[in-house]
N, C-alpha and C. Protein backbone atom coordinates (compact mmCIF):
# COMPACT_ATOMS: atom_id res chain seq x y z
N MET A 1 0.83 -1.18 0.00
CA MET A 1 0.00 0.00 0.00
C MET A 1 0.88 1.25 0.00
N LEU A 2 1.95 1.20 0.78
CA LEU A 2 2.86 2.35 0.85
C LEU A 2 3.51 2.59 -0.51
N ARG A 3 3.88 1.53 -1.20
CA ARG A 3 4.53 1.66 -2.50
C ARG A 3 3.62 2.35 -3.52
N THR A 4 2.34 2.02 -3.50
CA THR A 4 1.43 2.64 -4.47
C THR A 4 1.21 4.12 -4.17
N LEU A 5 1.23 4.51 -2.91
CA LEU A 5 1.05 5.93 -2.58
C LEU A 5 2.29 6.76 -2.87
N LEU A 6 3.47 6.17 -2.70
CA LEU A 6 4.70 6.95 -2.89
C LEU A 6 4.96 7.28 -4.36
N ARG A 7 4.76 6.34 -5.24
CA ARG A 7 4.98 6.52 -6.68
C ARG A 7 6.36 7.12 -6.98
N GLY A 8 7.38 6.57 -6.39
CA GLY A 8 8.74 7.02 -6.65
C GLY A 8 9.26 8.08 -5.71
N ASN A 9 8.42 8.76 -4.97
CA ASN A 9 8.86 9.80 -4.04
C ASN A 9 9.13 9.14 -2.68
N HIS A 10 10.32 8.58 -2.51
CA HIS A 10 10.63 7.78 -1.33
C HIS A 10 11.04 8.62 -0.11
N LYS A 11 11.16 9.91 -0.26
CA LYS A 11 11.61 10.74 0.86
C LYS A 11 10.49 11.13 1.81
N SER A 12 9.25 11.07 1.36
CA SER A 12 8.14 11.53 2.20
C SER A 12 7.24 10.39 2.65
N TRP A 13 7.80 9.20 2.82
CA TRP A 13 6.98 8.04 3.17
C TRP A 13 6.31 8.19 4.53
N ASP A 14 6.95 8.88 5.47
CA ASP A 14 6.39 9.01 6.81
C ASP A 14 5.13 9.88 6.84
N GLU A 15 4.96 10.74 5.85
CA GLU A 15 3.76 11.57 5.80
C GLU A 15 2.51 10.76 5.43
N TYR A 16 2.71 9.62 4.80
CA TYR A 16 1.59 8.80 4.35
C TYR A 16 1.15 7.77 5.39
N LEU A 17 1.95 7.55 6.42
CA LEU A 17 1.63 6.50 7.39
C LEU A 17 0.27 6.67 8.07
N PRO A 18 -0.15 7.86 8.49
CA PRO A 18 -1.49 7.96 9.09
C PRO A 18 -2.61 7.56 8.14
N HIS A 19 -2.46 7.90 6.86
CA HIS A 19 -3.47 7.54 5.87
C HIS A 19 -3.50 6.03 5.64
N ILE A 20 -2.32 5.43 5.60
CA ILE A 20 -2.24 3.98 5.40
C ILE A 20 -2.81 3.25 6.60
N GLU A 21 -2.49 3.72 7.80
CA GLU A 21 -3.03 3.10 9.01
C GLU A 21 -4.55 3.19 9.03
N PHE A 22 -5.08 4.33 8.67
CA PHE A 22 -6.53 4.50 8.62
C PHE A 22 -7.16 3.54 7.61
N ALA A 23 -6.55 3.45 6.43
CA ALA A 23 -7.09 2.56 5.40
C ALA A 23 -7.03 1.10 5.85
N TYR A 24 -5.92 0.70 6.46
CA TYR A 24 -5.78 -0.68 6.92
C TYR A 24 -6.80 -1.00 8.00
N ASN A 25 -6.98 -0.09 8.94
CA ASN A 25 -7.92 -0.34 10.04
C ASN A 25 -9.37 -0.32 9.59
N ARG A 26 -9.66 0.23 8.42
CA ARG A 26 -11.03 0.32 7.93
C ARG A 26 -11.40 -0.82 6.99
N VAL A 27 -10.42 -1.50 6.40
CA VAL A 27 -10.67 -2.56 5.43
C VAL A 27 -11.13 -3.83 6.14
N VAL A 28 -12.16 -4.47 5.59
CA VAL A 28 -12.67 -5.73 6.16
C VAL A 28 -11.66 -6.84 5.87
N GLN A 29 -11.24 -7.54 6.94
CA GLN A 29 -10.28 -8.63 6.81
C GLN A 29 -11.00 -9.93 6.43
N ARG A 30 -10.35 -10.76 5.64
CA ARG A 30 -10.98 -11.99 5.16
C ARG A 30 -11.23 -12.98 6.29
N THR A 31 -10.31 -13.09 7.22
CA THR A 31 -10.43 -14.08 8.29
C THR A 31 -11.53 -13.71 9.28
N THR A 32 -11.54 -12.47 9.74
CA THR A 32 -12.51 -12.06 10.77
C THR A 32 -13.82 -11.60 10.18
N LYS A 33 -13.82 -11.24 8.91
CA LYS A 33 -14.98 -10.67 8.21
C LYS A 33 -15.41 -9.33 8.80
N HIS A 34 -14.50 -8.67 9.48
CA HIS A 34 -14.71 -7.33 10.04
C HIS A 34 -13.39 -6.57 9.95
N SER A 35 -13.46 -5.26 10.03
CA SER A 35 -12.23 -4.47 10.02
C SER A 35 -11.60 -4.52 11.42
N PRO A 36 -10.26 -4.33 11.52
CA PRO A 36 -9.63 -4.32 12.84
C PRO A 36 -10.22 -3.27 13.77
N PHE A 37 -10.54 -2.09 13.26
CA PHE A 37 -11.14 -1.04 14.07
C PHE A 37 -12.50 -1.49 14.60
N GLU A 38 -13.29 -2.15 13.75
CA GLU A 38 -14.62 -2.61 14.15
C GLU A 38 -14.53 -3.69 15.21
N VAL A 39 -13.51 -4.55 15.13
CA VAL A 39 -13.34 -5.60 16.14
C VAL A 39 -13.07 -4.98 17.50
N VAL A 40 -12.29 -3.92 17.54
CA VAL A 40 -11.94 -3.30 18.82
C VAL A 40 -13.06 -2.41 19.35
N TYR A 41 -13.63 -1.56 18.49
CA TYR A 41 -14.56 -0.54 18.96
C TYR A 41 -16.02 -0.80 18.63
N GLY A 42 -16.31 -1.77 17.77
CA GLY A 42 -17.69 -2.11 17.47
C GLY A 42 -18.29 -1.35 16.30
N PHE A 43 -17.54 -0.46 15.66
CA PHE A 43 -18.02 0.26 14.48
C PHE A 43 -16.80 0.68 13.66
N ASN A 44 -17.04 0.94 12.39
CA ASN A 44 -15.96 1.41 11.52
C ASN A 44 -15.70 2.89 11.77
N PRO A 45 -14.44 3.34 11.60
CA PRO A 45 -14.16 4.76 11.81
C PRO A 45 -14.84 5.60 10.74
N PHE A 46 -15.18 6.81 11.11
CA PHE A 46 -15.82 7.72 10.17
C PHE A 46 -14.79 8.27 9.20
N THR A 47 -15.19 8.39 7.96
CA THR A 47 -14.35 9.03 6.95
C THR A 47 -14.75 10.50 6.87
N PRO A 48 -13.96 11.31 6.18
CA PRO A 48 -14.37 12.72 6.03
C PRO A 48 -15.73 12.87 5.36
N LEU A 49 -16.14 11.88 4.57
CA LEU A 49 -17.45 11.94 3.92
C LEU A 49 -18.58 11.62 4.89
N ASP A 50 -18.25 11.00 6.02
CA ASP A 50 -19.27 10.62 7.00
C ASP A 50 -19.44 11.69 8.08
N ILE A 51 -19.18 12.93 7.76
CA ILE A 51 -19.27 13.98 8.78
C ILE A 51 -20.70 14.08 9.27
N LEU A 52 -20.85 13.76 10.53
CA LEU A 52 -22.16 13.79 11.18
C LEU A 52 -22.04 14.61 12.46
N PRO A 53 -23.11 15.19 12.90
CA PRO A 53 -23.04 15.87 14.21
C PRO A 53 -22.81 14.83 15.31
N LEU A 54 -22.02 15.19 16.28
CA LEU A 54 -21.75 14.28 17.38
C LEU A 54 -23.01 14.05 18.20
N PRO A 55 -23.23 12.83 18.69
CA PRO A 55 -24.42 12.57 19.50
C PRO A 55 -24.33 13.28 20.86
N PHE A 56 -25.48 13.53 21.44
CA PHE A 56 -25.52 14.15 22.77
C PHE A 56 -25.03 13.15 23.80
N PRO A 57 -24.35 13.62 24.85
CA PRO A 57 -23.85 12.70 25.87
C PRO A 57 -24.95 11.87 26.53
N SER A 58 -26.15 12.39 26.67
CA SER A 58 -27.22 11.62 27.30
C SER A 58 -27.61 10.42 26.45
N SER A 59 -27.64 10.56 25.13
CA SER A 59 -28.00 9.43 24.28
C SER A 59 -26.87 8.40 24.25
N VAL A 60 -25.64 8.85 24.36
CA VAL A 60 -24.52 7.91 24.39
C VAL A 60 -24.58 7.08 25.66
N HIS A 61 -24.89 7.70 26.78
CA HIS A 61 -24.97 6.98 28.05
C HIS A 61 -26.06 5.92 28.01
N LYS A 62 -27.21 6.24 27.44
CA LYS A 62 -28.32 5.29 27.39
C LYS A 62 -27.99 4.09 26.51
N GLU A 63 -27.22 4.32 25.47
CA GLU A 63 -26.90 3.24 24.55
C GLU A 63 -25.61 2.51 24.91
N GLY A 64 -25.00 2.86 26.03
CA GLY A 64 -23.74 2.24 26.41
C GLY A 64 -23.84 0.75 26.63
N ILE A 65 -24.89 0.31 27.32
CA ILE A 65 -25.07 -1.11 27.59
C ILE A 65 -25.34 -1.86 26.30
N VAL A 66 -26.16 -1.28 25.45
CA VAL A 66 -26.47 -1.91 24.16
C VAL A 66 -25.19 -2.03 23.33
N ARG A 67 -24.38 -0.98 23.34
CA ARG A 67 -23.13 -0.99 22.58
C ARG A 67 -22.17 -2.05 23.12
N ALA A 68 -22.09 -2.18 24.45
CA ALA A 68 -21.21 -3.18 25.04
C ALA A 68 -21.65 -4.59 24.66
N ASP A 69 -22.96 -4.86 24.69
CA ASP A 69 -23.46 -6.17 24.27
C ASP A 69 -23.16 -6.43 22.80
N PHE A 70 -23.32 -5.40 21.98
CA PHE A 70 -23.04 -5.55 20.56
C PHE A 70 -21.57 -5.91 20.33
N VAL A 71 -20.67 -5.24 21.04
CA VAL A 71 -19.24 -5.51 20.87
C VAL A 71 -18.90 -6.93 21.35
N LYS A 72 -19.52 -7.38 22.45
CA LYS A 72 -19.27 -8.75 22.92
C LYS A 72 -19.73 -9.77 21.89
N LYS A 73 -20.90 -9.56 21.31
CA LYS A 73 -21.39 -10.48 20.28
C LYS A 73 -20.51 -10.43 19.03
N LEU A 74 -20.03 -9.23 18.71
CA LEU A 74 -19.14 -9.09 17.57
C LEU A 74 -17.85 -9.87 17.81
N HIS A 75 -17.30 -9.79 19.01
CA HIS A 75 -16.08 -10.53 19.34
C HIS A 75 -16.32 -12.03 19.25
N GLU A 76 -17.49 -12.50 19.66
CA GLU A 76 -17.80 -13.92 19.55
C GLU A 76 -17.85 -14.35 18.09
N ARG A 77 -18.47 -13.53 17.23
CA ARG A 77 -18.54 -13.86 15.80
C ARG A 77 -17.14 -13.86 15.18
N VAL A 78 -16.33 -12.90 15.57
CA VAL A 78 -14.96 -12.84 15.05
C VAL A 78 -14.18 -14.07 15.49
N LYS A 79 -14.35 -14.48 16.73
CA LYS A 79 -13.66 -15.67 17.23
C LYS A 79 -14.07 -16.91 16.44
N VAL A 80 -15.36 -17.05 16.17
CA VAL A 80 -15.84 -18.19 15.38
C VAL A 80 -15.25 -18.15 13.97
N ASN A 81 -15.21 -16.96 13.37
CA ASN A 81 -14.63 -16.84 12.03
C ASN A 81 -13.15 -17.19 12.01
N ILE A 82 -12.41 -16.74 13.02
CA ILE A 82 -10.98 -17.05 13.10
C ILE A 82 -10.78 -18.55 13.28
N GLU A 83 -11.56 -19.19 14.16
CA GLU A 83 -11.43 -20.63 14.35
C GLU A 83 -11.75 -21.39 13.07
N HIS A 84 -12.78 -20.94 12.35
CA HIS A 84 -13.14 -21.59 11.09
C HIS A 84 -12.00 -21.50 10.08
N HIS A 85 -11.44 -20.30 9.93
CA HIS A 85 -10.35 -20.13 8.98
C HIS A 85 -9.09 -20.85 9.43
N SER A 86 -8.84 -20.94 10.73
CA SER A 86 -7.68 -21.68 11.22
C SER A 86 -7.80 -23.15 10.87
N LYS A 87 -8.99 -23.72 11.05
CA LYS A 87 -9.20 -25.12 10.67
C LYS A 87 -9.04 -25.31 9.17
N GLU A 88 -9.52 -24.35 8.41
CA GLU A 88 -9.39 -24.42 6.95
C GLU A 88 -7.92 -24.37 6.54
N TYR A 89 -7.15 -23.46 7.13
CA TYR A 89 -5.72 -23.37 6.83
C TYR A 89 -5.00 -24.65 7.24
N ALA A 90 -5.35 -25.21 8.41
CA ALA A 90 -4.70 -26.43 8.88
C ALA A 90 -5.00 -27.60 7.95
N SER A 91 -6.24 -27.71 7.49
CA SER A 91 -6.57 -28.82 6.59
C SER A 91 -5.82 -28.69 5.26
N LYS A 92 -5.63 -27.46 4.77
CA LYS A 92 -4.87 -27.27 3.53
C LYS A 92 -3.38 -27.57 3.76
N ALA A 93 -2.86 -27.19 4.90
CA ALA A 93 -1.44 -27.42 5.19
C ALA A 93 -1.16 -28.90 5.42
N ASN A 94 -2.11 -29.63 5.99
CA ASN A 94 -1.90 -31.04 6.31
C ASN A 94 -2.38 -31.98 5.21
N ARG A 95 -2.77 -31.44 4.06
CA ARG A 95 -3.23 -32.28 2.96
C ARG A 95 -2.07 -33.15 2.48
N GLY A 96 -2.29 -34.44 2.36
CA GLY A 96 -1.27 -35.36 1.89
C GLY A 96 -0.29 -35.78 2.96
N ARG A 97 -0.50 -35.37 4.18
CA ARG A 97 0.41 -35.71 5.27
C ARG A 97 -0.04 -37.00 5.94
N LYS A 98 0.90 -37.88 6.20
CA LYS A 98 0.59 -39.13 6.89
C LYS A 98 0.85 -38.95 8.38
N GLU A 99 -0.09 -39.35 9.18
CA GLU A 99 0.10 -39.27 10.63
C GLU A 99 0.67 -40.59 11.11
N ILE A 100 1.86 -40.52 11.67
CA ILE A 100 2.53 -41.72 12.18
C ILE A 100 2.62 -41.58 13.69
N ILE A 101 2.09 -42.56 14.39
CA ILE A 101 2.11 -42.55 15.85
C ILE A 101 3.01 -43.68 16.32
N PHE A 102 3.99 -43.33 17.15
CA PHE A 102 4.91 -44.32 17.69
C PHE A 102 4.45 -44.73 19.08
N ASN A 103 4.75 -45.96 19.45
CA ASN A 103 4.42 -46.48 20.77
C ASN A 103 5.70 -46.59 21.59
N GLU A 104 5.55 -46.84 22.87
CA GLU A 104 6.72 -47.04 23.72
C GLU A 104 7.49 -48.26 23.24
N LYS A 105 8.83 -48.18 23.35
CA LYS A 105 9.78 -49.21 22.95
C LYS A 105 9.93 -49.35 21.44
N ASP A 106 9.32 -48.45 20.66
CA ASP A 106 9.58 -48.42 19.22
C ASP A 106 10.94 -47.77 18.98
N TRP A 107 11.55 -48.09 17.86
CA TRP A 107 12.82 -47.50 17.48
C TRP A 107 12.57 -46.44 16.42
N VAL A 108 13.13 -45.25 16.62
CA VAL A 108 12.90 -44.13 15.71
C VAL A 108 14.21 -43.44 15.38
N TRP A 109 14.20 -42.69 14.28
CA TRP A 109 15.31 -41.84 13.90
C TRP A 109 15.02 -40.43 14.37
N LEU A 110 16.07 -39.71 14.76
CA LEU A 110 15.94 -38.36 15.28
C LEU A 110 16.43 -37.37 14.23
N HIS A 111 15.60 -36.36 13.93
CA HIS A 111 15.99 -35.29 13.01
C HIS A 111 16.79 -34.26 13.79
N LEU A 112 18.02 -34.04 13.37
CA LEU A 112 18.92 -33.12 14.08
C LEU A 112 18.74 -31.70 13.54
N ARG A 113 17.89 -30.93 14.19
CA ARG A 113 17.69 -29.54 13.80
C ARG A 113 18.82 -28.69 14.36
N LYS A 114 19.23 -27.67 13.61
CA LYS A 114 20.36 -26.83 14.02
C LYS A 114 20.10 -26.12 15.34
N ASP A 115 18.87 -25.68 15.57
CA ASP A 115 18.59 -24.93 16.80
C ASP A 115 18.53 -25.84 18.02
N ARG A 116 18.18 -27.12 17.85
CA ARG A 116 18.08 -28.04 18.98
C ARG A 116 19.39 -28.78 19.25
N PHE A 117 20.14 -29.09 18.19
CA PHE A 117 21.36 -29.87 18.32
C PHE A 117 22.52 -29.16 17.61
N PRO A 118 22.97 -28.02 18.15
CA PRO A 118 24.01 -27.26 17.46
C PRO A 118 25.36 -27.97 17.42
N THR A 119 25.65 -28.84 18.39
CA THR A 119 26.95 -29.53 18.39
C THR A 119 26.99 -30.66 17.37
N GLN A 120 25.85 -31.25 17.04
CA GLN A 120 25.82 -32.33 16.07
C GLN A 120 25.69 -31.81 14.64
N ARG A 121 25.16 -30.60 14.43
CA ARG A 121 24.98 -30.03 13.09
C ARG A 121 25.92 -28.84 12.93
N LYS A 122 27.21 -29.14 12.73
CA LYS A 122 28.19 -28.06 12.62
C LYS A 122 28.34 -27.55 11.19
N SER A 123 28.04 -28.37 10.21
CA SER A 123 28.21 -27.95 8.82
C SER A 123 27.07 -28.49 7.97
N LYS A 124 27.02 -28.04 6.74
CA LYS A 124 25.97 -28.48 5.82
C LYS A 124 26.09 -29.95 5.47
N LEU A 125 27.31 -30.48 5.52
CA LEU A 125 27.53 -31.86 5.10
C LEU A 125 27.38 -32.87 6.24
N SER A 126 27.21 -32.40 7.46
CA SER A 126 27.03 -33.35 8.57
C SER A 126 25.65 -33.98 8.47
N PRO A 127 25.49 -35.18 9.04
CA PRO A 127 24.20 -35.88 8.91
C PRO A 127 23.05 -35.10 9.52
N ARG A 128 21.89 -35.21 8.89
CA ARG A 128 20.71 -34.51 9.37
C ARG A 128 19.88 -35.35 10.32
N GLY A 129 20.20 -36.61 10.44
CA GLY A 129 19.47 -37.50 11.34
C GLY A 129 20.43 -38.43 12.04
N ASP A 130 19.97 -39.02 13.11
CA ASP A 130 20.78 -39.97 13.86
C ASP A 130 19.84 -40.97 14.51
N GLY A 131 20.36 -42.13 14.81
CA GLY A 131 19.53 -43.13 15.46
C GLY A 131 19.94 -44.51 15.03
N PRO A 132 19.15 -45.46 15.32
CA PRO A 132 17.82 -45.37 15.92
C PRO A 132 17.88 -45.23 17.44
N PHE A 133 16.88 -44.59 17.98
CA PHE A 133 16.73 -44.43 19.42
C PHE A 133 15.39 -45.01 19.85
N GLN A 134 15.35 -45.48 21.09
CA GLN A 134 14.13 -46.11 21.59
C GLN A 134 13.22 -45.06 22.24
N VAL A 135 11.91 -45.20 21.98
CA VAL A 135 10.92 -44.31 22.57
C VAL A 135 10.66 -44.77 24.00
N LEU A 136 10.91 -43.88 24.97
CA LEU A 136 10.66 -44.21 26.37
C LEU A 136 9.22 -43.91 26.76
N LYS A 137 8.70 -42.79 26.28
CA LYS A 137 7.36 -42.37 26.67
C LYS A 137 6.75 -41.52 25.56
N ARG A 138 5.46 -41.68 25.34
CA ARG A 138 4.74 -40.84 24.38
C ARG A 138 3.96 -39.78 25.16
N VAL A 139 4.31 -38.52 24.99
CA VAL A 139 3.63 -37.43 25.67
C VAL A 139 2.31 -37.14 24.97
N ASN A 140 2.35 -36.99 23.65
CA ASN A 140 1.16 -36.90 22.81
C ASN A 140 1.53 -37.44 21.44
N ASN A 141 0.67 -37.29 20.45
CA ASN A 141 0.94 -37.88 19.14
C ASN A 141 2.09 -37.22 18.39
N ASN A 142 2.59 -36.12 18.90
CA ASN A 142 3.66 -35.40 18.22
C ASN A 142 4.92 -35.23 19.08
N VAL A 143 4.85 -35.56 20.36
CA VAL A 143 5.97 -35.37 21.28
C VAL A 143 6.30 -36.69 21.96
N TYR A 144 7.60 -37.06 21.90
CA TYR A 144 8.05 -38.32 22.47
C TYR A 144 9.30 -38.06 23.29
N ILE A 145 9.50 -38.87 24.32
CA ILE A 145 10.73 -38.84 25.11
C ILE A 145 11.55 -40.03 24.65
N LEU A 146 12.80 -39.73 24.19
CA LEU A 146 13.65 -40.76 23.62
C LEU A 146 14.79 -41.09 24.56
N ASP A 147 15.34 -42.27 24.40
CA ASP A 147 16.50 -42.71 25.17
C ASP A 147 17.74 -42.26 24.40
N LEU A 148 18.21 -41.05 24.70
CA LEU A 148 19.34 -40.47 23.99
C LEU A 148 20.63 -40.69 24.77
N PRO A 149 21.77 -40.81 24.08
CA PRO A 149 23.05 -40.92 24.78
C PRO A 149 23.39 -39.62 25.51
N GLU A 150 24.41 -39.66 26.32
CA GLU A 150 24.80 -38.51 27.15
C GLU A 150 25.26 -37.31 26.33
N ASP A 151 25.85 -37.54 25.16
CA ASP A 151 26.40 -36.43 24.39
C ASP A 151 25.35 -35.63 23.63
N TYR A 152 24.09 -35.95 23.79
CA TYR A 152 23.01 -35.17 23.18
C TYR A 152 22.48 -34.24 24.22
């Protein structure tokens, strides 16, 4: 969005940030089906074309409870929409994936990730896996406790 507004004038990018923030907060998001501003405050921000007289404080006070209930219901709908899209994204990401569940005393190979095993993965040519190791305990379908040697 910033690139389209600048059109080659890269020195004044900071002047456009309030306009970009306003536009982003007003656009309806695909996942929540509401704008970020609407999720927080319960209504979309007014544009310069929506110039309306401000409501009287007495009418705002009377509608406060109604507005709070509306925002709570809106948050519930947004939560349902996010959960729905999260399940949809997970099903697309896990398409074609085989679920393999190991039992106790099974023998498995260990994937040596650089962040978990920095001493075993010193270079690109070092092995990426090691094993087999015996499964001592299954915590859940994705986490296992293995019988590893002392140098791990």
